[in-house]
Amino acid sequence: MTQPSPDILDERLRRILTFVVECHVSSGEPVGSQYVRAAYHLSISPATIRNAMQQLEELGLLSHPHTSAGRVPTELGYRYYVDHLMRPESLTPATRRALDEALEEATLAGALDERLPPALAHAARQLAVVSVRPRDSSRVHRFELVGLEGGELLVAVGIEEGPLGTTTWRPANPVETNTLRGAESWVRASLPVSGVAGIDALAARARTEARPEHAAILEPALHLAARLVAGMEQPAVRLGGAEHIAAQPEFQTPDTLRPLVTVLAEREPLARALEAFAAAYLPRVSIGHEHAPAAIQSCSIVGMAVAIGPSRAVIGLMGPVRMPYRRIVALLSYVGERLGPGRDS
């Protein structure tokens, strides 16, 4: 998306683009010159406004849908508006109090990552997404091997500031308890290690440095441990307010709703999209085709990095490209100030 330079628009064009964007965001309908003139009490003639809107269309900032007399912003138009024209909305005291209460209750309950999305979605009337990744998530500091009934073995692996992952497998031959303890001790002597790469390096060492009977157990055990760590390193994605985005006019046909439902069910594309905001310590706006996952290119996301307890997280609000950016940026700014930036320690 190649954007015109900020100074390519004179004051009149900047005002009219602002009017068209904000009218379209509010109504969802194409905006005509007569409406712009009446709604904003402009003293210039409808013909002058039409000429200005034609100039904005030629610059790629507005488009002329079908045979309508009105125009709508393009993605480029929204980008110019967000970067150069928009002024964040002032939140009402009632909105601030509601967010404060929700944040306080969620913090006291120790469930901020679970309760923040519904509260944020309610305030924004958009889909809220929180992607939480534990700090230092790749440092593996715990490894256990446990014999179970019937000859099965359990491998457990833990990461700092993260959960304990477990899985089981059944070796071809029974394993003696002393062999199991020896293999476990060999790994523990090398902990902590760094993520999947560290586990893989241990597996390579085990083949040449561990006793043969230990190496035979460690090969499958460390392979399973690496898979567990890879899964735990994926951020946990929480959603709130899916009904708000599904109710938007842009998603009322099966062809537009189906990709959205898939994204909400799978969540991995959302996690990837939010990673782009991991270094944004103020709200940042991503519009339409600026996203990598194709399934959400009919949407916009406003996101930023925050701290949630000992973890770093990205909070985001997602809706159609026709999003009330002024309010969304103001909401995220306020929540970000309360939570603090999610920089790595």
Protein backbone atom coordinates (compact mmCIF):
# COMPACT_ATOMS: atom_id res chain seq x y z
CA MET A 1 0.00 0.00 0.00
CA THR A 2 1.85 3.09 -1.26
CA GLN A 3 0.60 6.09 0.61
CA PRO A 4 0.69 9.69 -0.63
CA SER A 5 2.90 12.01 1.40
CA PRO A 6 1.18 13.81 4.31
CA ASP A 7 1.41 17.22 2.63
CA ILE A 8 -0.19 16.19 -0.68
CA LEU A 9 -3.63 17.19 0.67
CA ASP A 10 -4.51 20.81 1.35
CA GLU A 11 -6.64 21.75 4.33
CA ARG A 12 -9.92 21.44 2.39
CA LEU A 13 -9.12 17.93 1.15
CA ARG A 14 -7.98 16.88 4.61
CA ARG A 15 -11.25 18.11 6.14
CA ILE A 16 -13.41 16.42 3.52
CA LEU A 17 -11.54 13.12 3.79
CA THR A 18 -12.00 13.26 7.56
CA PHE A 19 -15.74 13.92 7.12
CA VAL A 20 -16.18 11.06 4.65
CA VAL A 21 -14.27 8.56 6.82
CA GLU A 22 -16.13 9.45 9.99
CA CYS A 23 -19.53 9.54 8.28
CA HIS A 24 -18.94 6.15 6.68
CA VAL A 25 -17.70 4.65 9.94
CA SER A 26 -20.87 5.89 11.65
CA SER A 27 -23.44 4.97 9.00
CA GLY A 28 -21.88 2.21 6.93
CA GLU A 29 -23.29 3.88 3.82
CA PRO A 30 -21.58 5.68 0.90
CA VAL A 31 -21.23 9.39 1.65
CA GLY A 32 -22.45 12.02 -0.84
CA SER A 33 -21.41 15.63 -1.21
CA GLN A 34 -24.81 16.98 -0.14
CA TYR A 35 -24.64 14.98 3.08
CA VAL A 36 -21.10 16.19 3.84
CA ARG A 37 -22.15 19.80 3.29
CA ALA A 38 -25.28 19.52 5.46
CA ALA A 39 -23.82 17.41 8.25
CA TYR A 40 -20.78 19.60 8.76
CA HIS A 41 -22.35 22.97 7.88
CA LEU A 42 -19.77 23.71 5.21
CA SER A 43 -20.06 27.03 3.42
CA ILE A 44 -18.60 25.70 0.17
CA SER A 45 -20.90 24.55 -2.66
CA PRO A 46 -21.85 20.92 -3.35
CA ALA A 47 -19.99 21.17 -6.67
CA THR A 48 -16.79 22.19 -4.88
CA ILE A 49 -17.22 19.28 -2.47
CA ARG A 50 -17.83 16.89 -5.39
CA ASN A 51 -14.66 18.11 -7.09
CA ALA A 52 -12.70 17.61 -3.88
CA MET A 53 -14.09 14.09 -3.47
CA GLN A 54 -13.15 13.36 -7.09
CA GLN A 55 -9.57 14.47 -6.33
CA LEU A 56 -9.48 12.19 -3.30
CA GLU A 57 -10.73 9.33 -5.48
CA GLU A 58 -8.01 9.98 -8.08
CA LEU A 59 -5.44 9.80 -5.26
CA GLY A 60 -6.81 6.39 -4.26
CA LEU A 61 -8.16 7.57 -0.90
CA LEU A 62 -11.86 7.21 -1.78
CA SER A 63 -13.75 4.86 -4.06
CA HIS A 64 -17.06 5.09 -5.90
CA PRO A 65 -19.05 1.88 -5.25
CA HIS A 66 -21.39 0.68 -7.98
CA THR A 67 -23.71 3.42 -9.25
CA SER A 68 -23.98 5.20 -5.90
CA ALA A 69 -23.61 8.97 -5.85
CA GLY A 70 -21.60 8.64 -2.64
CA ARG A 71 -18.08 7.51 -1.91
CA VAL A 72 -16.42 5.31 0.68
CA PRO A 73 -12.86 5.31 2.02
CA THR A 74 -10.36 2.84 0.59
CA GLU A 75 -7.84 1.04 2.77
CA LEU A 76 -5.37 3.71 1.69
CA GLY A 77 -7.85 6.38 2.74
CA TYR A 78 -8.22 4.83 6.17
CA ARG A 79 -4.46 4.60 6.50
CA TYR A 80 -4.01 8.29 5.66
CA TYR A 81 -6.78 9.18 8.11
CA VAL A 82 -5.30 7.10 10.96
CA ASP A 83 -1.76 8.39 10.40
CA HIS A 84 -2.40 12.07 9.71
CA LEU A 85 -5.96 13.17 10.50
CA MET A 86 -7.41 11.17 13.38
CA ARG A 87 -7.58 12.48 16.93
CA PRO A 88 -8.26 9.81 19.56
CA GLU A 89 -11.61 10.11 21.27
CA SER A 90 -11.86 11.27 24.89
CA LEU A 91 -13.21 8.43 26.99
CA THR A 92 -16.10 9.24 29.26
CA PRO A 93 -15.67 8.92 33.03
CA ALA A 94 -18.20 6.06 32.97
CA THR A 95 -16.12 4.12 30.43
CA ARG A 96 -12.95 4.67 32.45
CA ARG A 97 -14.69 3.51 35.65
CA ALA A 98 -16.02 0.38 33.93
CA LEU A 99 -12.58 -0.53 32.62
CA ASP A 100 -10.96 0.20 36.00
CA GLU A 101 -13.45 -2.06 37.79
CA ALA A 102 -13.00 -4.86 35.26
CA LEU A 103 -9.21 -4.68 35.47
CA GLU A 104 -9.25 -4.61 39.27
CA GLU A 105 -11.64 -7.57 39.56
CA ALA A 106 -9.70 -9.60 37.01
CA THR A 107 -6.38 -8.85 38.72
CA LEU A 108 -7.70 -9.81 42.16
CA ALA A 109 -9.08 -13.05 40.71
CA GLY A 110 -5.76 -13.83 39.06
CA ALA A 111 -7.53 -14.23 35.74
CA LEU A 112 -6.68 -11.05 33.88
CA ASP A 113 -5.97 -12.84 30.60
CA GLU A 114 -9.43 -14.48 30.77
CA ARG A 115 -11.52 -11.52 31.96
CA LEU A 116 -9.85 -8.72 30.03
CA PRO A 117 -11.18 -9.72 26.55
CA PRO A 118 -14.90 -9.62 27.50
CA ALA A 119 -14.48 -6.28 29.31
CA LEU A 120 -12.55 -4.72 26.45
CA ALA A 121 -14.98 -6.11 23.87
CA HIS A 122 -17.94 -4.69 25.77
CA ALA A 123 -16.38 -1.22 25.90
CA ALA A 124 -15.35 -1.27 22.22
CA ARG A 125 -18.26 -3.24 20.72
CA GLN A 126 -15.63 -5.12 18.72
CA LEU A 127 -13.86 -8.48 18.96
CA ALA A 128 -11.17 -8.39 21.66
CA VAL A 129 -8.15 -10.69 21.46
CA VAL A 130 -5.43 -11.28 24.04
CA SER A 131 -2.36 -13.32 23.14
CA VAL A 132 -0.26 -14.27 26.18
CA ARG A 133 3.27 -15.61 25.97
CA PRO A 134 5.14 -16.40 29.23
CA ARG A 135 8.37 -14.49 29.79
CA ASP A 136 11.46 -16.63 29.30
CA SER A 137 9.15 -19.30 27.94
CA SER A 138 11.94 -21.09 26.14
CA ARG A 139 14.03 -21.90 29.24
CA VAL A 140 13.37 -25.56 30.06
CA HIS A 141 14.13 -26.13 33.74
CA ARG A 142 12.27 -29.34 34.59
CA PHE A 143 12.33 -32.88 33.17
CA GLU A 144 10.82 -36.05 34.64
CA LEU A 145 10.40 -39.65 33.54
CA VAL A 146 7.76 -41.71 35.36
CA GLY A 147 6.93 -45.39 34.97
CA LEU A 148 3.20 -46.15 34.75
CA GLU A 149 1.19 -49.34 34.99
CA GLY A 150 1.24 -51.58 31.96
CA GLY A 151 4.73 -50.56 30.86
CA GLU A 152 3.83 -47.01 29.75
CA LEU A 153 6.22 -44.15 30.48
CA LEU A 154 5.34 -40.52 31.16
CA VAL A 155 7.58 -37.63 30.19
CA ALA A 156 7.01 -34.27 31.87
CA VAL A 157 8.76 -31.05 30.91
CA GLY A 158 8.43 -27.59 32.45
CA ILE A 159 9.32 -24.11 31.23
CA GLU A 160 9.98 -21.08 33.41
CA GLU A 161 6.85 -19.00 34.10
CA GLY A 162 4.87 -21.59 32.17
CA PRO A 163 2.89 -24.83 32.56
CA LEU A 164 4.10 -28.39 33.01
CA GLY A 165 3.55 -30.42 29.85
CA THR A 166 3.11 -34.19 29.92
CA THR A 167 2.66 -37.03 27.48
CA THR A 168 3.05 -40.81 27.48
CA TRP A 169 4.40 -43.57 25.28
CA ARG A 170 4.96 -47.30 25.49
CA PRO A 171 8.50 -48.56 24.75
CA ALA A 172 8.85 -51.79 22.84
CA ASN A 173 10.50 -53.41 25.88
CA PRO A 174 9.94 -52.84 29.63
CA VAL A 175 12.28 -50.33 31.25
CA GLU A 176 13.78 -50.94 34.68
CA THR A 177 13.35 -48.26 37.32
CA ASN A 178 17.11 -47.78 37.73
CA THR A 179 17.48 -47.19 33.98
CA LEU A 180 14.65 -44.69 34.06
CA ARG A 181 16.20 -42.80 36.98
CA GLY A 182 19.61 -42.79 35.32
CA ALA A 183 18.23 -41.37 32.07
CA GLU A 184 16.29 -38.71 33.98
CA SER A 185 19.36 -37.72 36.00
CA TRP A 186 21.47 -37.40 32.84
CA VAL A 187 19.05 -34.81 31.45
CA ARG A 188 18.61 -32.93 34.73
CA ALA A 189 22.35 -32.45 35.02
CA SER A 190 22.24 -30.36 31.83
CA LEU A 191 19.23 -28.17 32.69
CA PRO A 192 18.22 -25.46 32.09
CA VAL A 193 18.37 -25.44 28.31
CA SER A 194 16.88 -23.05 25.77
CA GLY A 195 13.67 -24.26 24.19
CA VAL A 196 13.31 -26.81 21.43
CA ALA A 197 16.84 -26.16 20.17
CA GLY A 198 18.23 -26.94 23.61
CA ILE A 199 16.24 -30.18 23.84
CA ASP A 200 17.42 -31.22 20.36
CA ALA A 201 21.02 -30.52 21.37
CA LEU A 202 20.57 -32.74 24.45
CA ALA A 203 19.21 -35.53 22.26
CA ALA A 204 22.25 -35.30 19.99
CA ARG A 205 24.59 -35.41 23.00
CA ALA A 206 22.72 -38.35 24.52
CA ARG A 207 23.44 -40.49 21.47
CA THR A 208 27.19 -40.20 22.04
CA GLU A 209 27.62 -39.29 25.72
CA ALA A 210 24.92 -41.16 27.66
CA ARG A 211 25.17 -44.82 28.58
CA PRO A 212 23.60 -46.98 25.85
CA GLU A 213 20.65 -48.09 27.99
CA HIS A 214 19.95 -44.44 28.89
CA ALA A 215 20.34 -43.22 25.32
CA ALA A 216 17.78 -45.78 24.13
CA ILE A 217 15.16 -44.21 26.44
CA LEU A 218 16.24 -40.61 25.95
CA GLU A 219 15.86 -40.66 22.17
CA PRO A 220 12.02 -41.02 22.23
CA ALA A 221 11.68 -39.13 25.53
CA LEU A 222 13.52 -36.03 24.31
CA HIS A 223 11.69 -36.14 20.99
CA LEU A 224 8.40 -35.98 22.90
CA ALA A 225 9.79 -33.29 25.22
CA ALA A 226 10.69 -31.13 22.22
CA ARG A 227 7.15 -31.44 20.89
CA LEU A 228 5.74 -30.46 24.29
CA VAL A 229 7.99 -27.40 24.54
CA ALA A 230 7.09 -26.32 21.01
CA GLY A 231 3.42 -26.45 21.96
CA MET A 232 3.95 -24.54 25.21
CA GLU A 233 5.88 -21.81 23.43
CA GLN A 234 2.80 -20.99 21.35
CA PRO A 235 0.93 -18.04 22.85
CA ALA A 236 -2.42 -18.69 24.49
CA VAL A 237 -5.13 -16.76 22.63
CA ARG A 238 -8.24 -15.56 24.48
CA LEU A 239 -11.25 -14.02 22.74
CA GLY A 240 -14.13 -11.84 23.82
CA GLY A 241 -17.06 -10.30 21.98
CA ALA A 242 -17.20 -12.49 18.88
CA GLU A 243 -20.86 -11.52 18.58
CA HIS A 244 -19.88 -7.90 17.94
CA ILE A 245 -17.81 -8.61 14.85
CA ALA A 246 -20.28 -11.20 13.54
CA ALA A 247 -23.05 -8.58 13.72
CA GLN A 248 -21.25 -6.11 11.46
CA PRO A 249 -22.84 -5.54 8.02
CA GLU A 250 -19.57 -6.52 6.33
CA PHE A 251 -19.95 -10.13 7.57
CA GLN A 252 -23.58 -10.90 6.81
CA THR A 253 -23.07 -13.23 3.83
CA PRO A 254 -21.74 -16.81 4.00
CA ASP A 255 -18.72 -15.91 1.86
CA THR A 256 -17.65 -13.15 4.26
CA LEU A 257 -18.64 -14.86 7.51
CA ARG A 258 -17.11 -18.28 6.82
CA PRO A 259 -13.41 -17.18 6.90
CA LEU A 260 -14.08 -15.23 10.08
CA VAL A 261 -15.66 -18.23 11.82
CA THR A 262 -12.68 -20.37 10.78
CA VAL A 263 -10.22 -17.87 12.24
CA LEU A 264 -12.11 -17.68 15.51
CA ALA A 265 -12.18 -21.47 15.76
CA GLU A 266 -8.55 -22.13 14.83
CA ARG A 267 -7.05 -18.98 16.43
CA GLU A 268 -3.56 -19.64 15.04
CA PRO A 269 -3.94 -16.94 12.33
CA LEU A 270 -4.95 -14.49 15.05
CA ALA A 271 -1.89 -15.41 17.11
CA ARG A 272 0.33 -14.80 14.08
CA ALA A 273 -1.36 -11.49 13.34
CA LEU A 274 -0.92 -10.30 16.93
CA GLU A 275 2.79 -11.15 16.92
CA ALA A 276 3.22 -8.13 14.62
CA PHE A 277 2.28 -5.93 17.62
CA ALA A 278 4.71 -7.56 20.09
CA ALA A 279 7.04 -4.53 20.03
CA ALA A 280 4.29 -1.89 19.88
CA TYR A 281 4.18 -0.15 23.25
CA LEU A 282 1.53 2.30 22.02
CA PRO A 283 -1.57 1.31 20.02
CA ARG A 284 -0.72 0.50 16.40
CA VAL A 285 -3.26 0.08 13.59
CA SER A 286 -3.06 -2.62 10.92
CA ILE A 287 -5.60 -2.28 8.11
CA GLY A 288 -6.97 -4.91 5.74
CA HIS A 289 -4.31 -6.27 3.41
CA GLU A 290 -1.52 -5.10 5.72
CA HIS A 291 -2.11 -8.33 7.69
CA ALA A 292 -0.24 -11.48 6.76
CA PRO A 293 -3.05 -14.03 7.34
CA ALA A 294 -5.34 -13.81 4.31
CA ALA A 295 -8.37 -14.93 6.33
CA ILE A 296 -8.51 -11.61 8.21
CA GLN A 297 -7.68 -9.22 5.39
CA SER A 298 -11.25 -7.92 5.46
CA CYS A 299 -10.58 -6.65 8.99
CA SER A 300 -8.53 -4.09 10.84
CA ILE A 301 -6.67 -4.71 14.10
CA VAL A 302 -5.53 -2.19 16.67
CA GLY A 303 -3.02 -3.78 19.03
CA MET A 304 -0.24 -3.16 21.52
CA ALA A 305 2.08 -5.05 23.87
CA VAL A 306 1.29 -5.04 27.59
CA ALA A 307 2.32 -6.84 30.77
CA ILE A 308 -0.10 -9.37 32.27
CA GLY A 309 1.36 -10.56 35.56
CA PRO A 310 4.69 -12.27 34.89
CA SER A 311 3.85 -12.68 31.22
CA ARG A 312 4.07 -10.47 28.17
CA ALA A 313 0.98 -10.17 26.06
CA VAL A 314 -0.53 -8.44 23.09
CA ILE A 315 -4.02 -7.03 23.38
CA GLY A 316 -5.95 -6.28 20.23
CA LEU A 317 -9.34 -5.13 19.03
CA MET A 318 -10.47 -6.45 15.65
CA GLY A 319 -13.35 -5.37 13.48
CA PRO A 320 -14.18 -4.49 9.89
CA VAL A 321 -11.93 -2.04 8.05
CA ARG A 322 -14.77 0.41 8.70
CA MET A 323 -13.76 0.56 12.35
CA PRO A 324 -14.25 3.47 14.82
CA TYR A 325 -10.49 4.01 15.10
CA ARG A 326 -10.75 7.11 17.30
CA ARG A 327 -12.52 5.20 20.06
CA ILE A 328 -10.54 1.97 19.66
CA VAL A 329 -7.16 3.71 19.93
CA ALA A 330 -8.34 5.63 23.00
CA LEU A 331 -9.56 2.44 24.71
CA LEU A 332 -6.35 0.53 24.10
CA SER A 333 -4.25 3.51 25.18
CA TYR A 334 -6.10 3.64 28.49
CA VAL A 335 -5.83 -0.09 29.16
CA GLY A 336 -2.16 -0.05 28.13
CA GLU A 337 -1.45 2.74 30.62
CA ARG A 338 -3.08 0.71 33.38
CA LEU A 339 -1.27 -2.55 32.60
CA GLY A 340 2.12 -1.20 31.62
CA PRO A 341 4.24 -2.04 28.57
CA GLY A 342 4.96 -5.68 27.77
CA ARG A 343 8.69 -5.36 27.26
CA ASP A 344 10.84 -8.39 27.85
CA SER A 345 12.76 -8.24 31.10
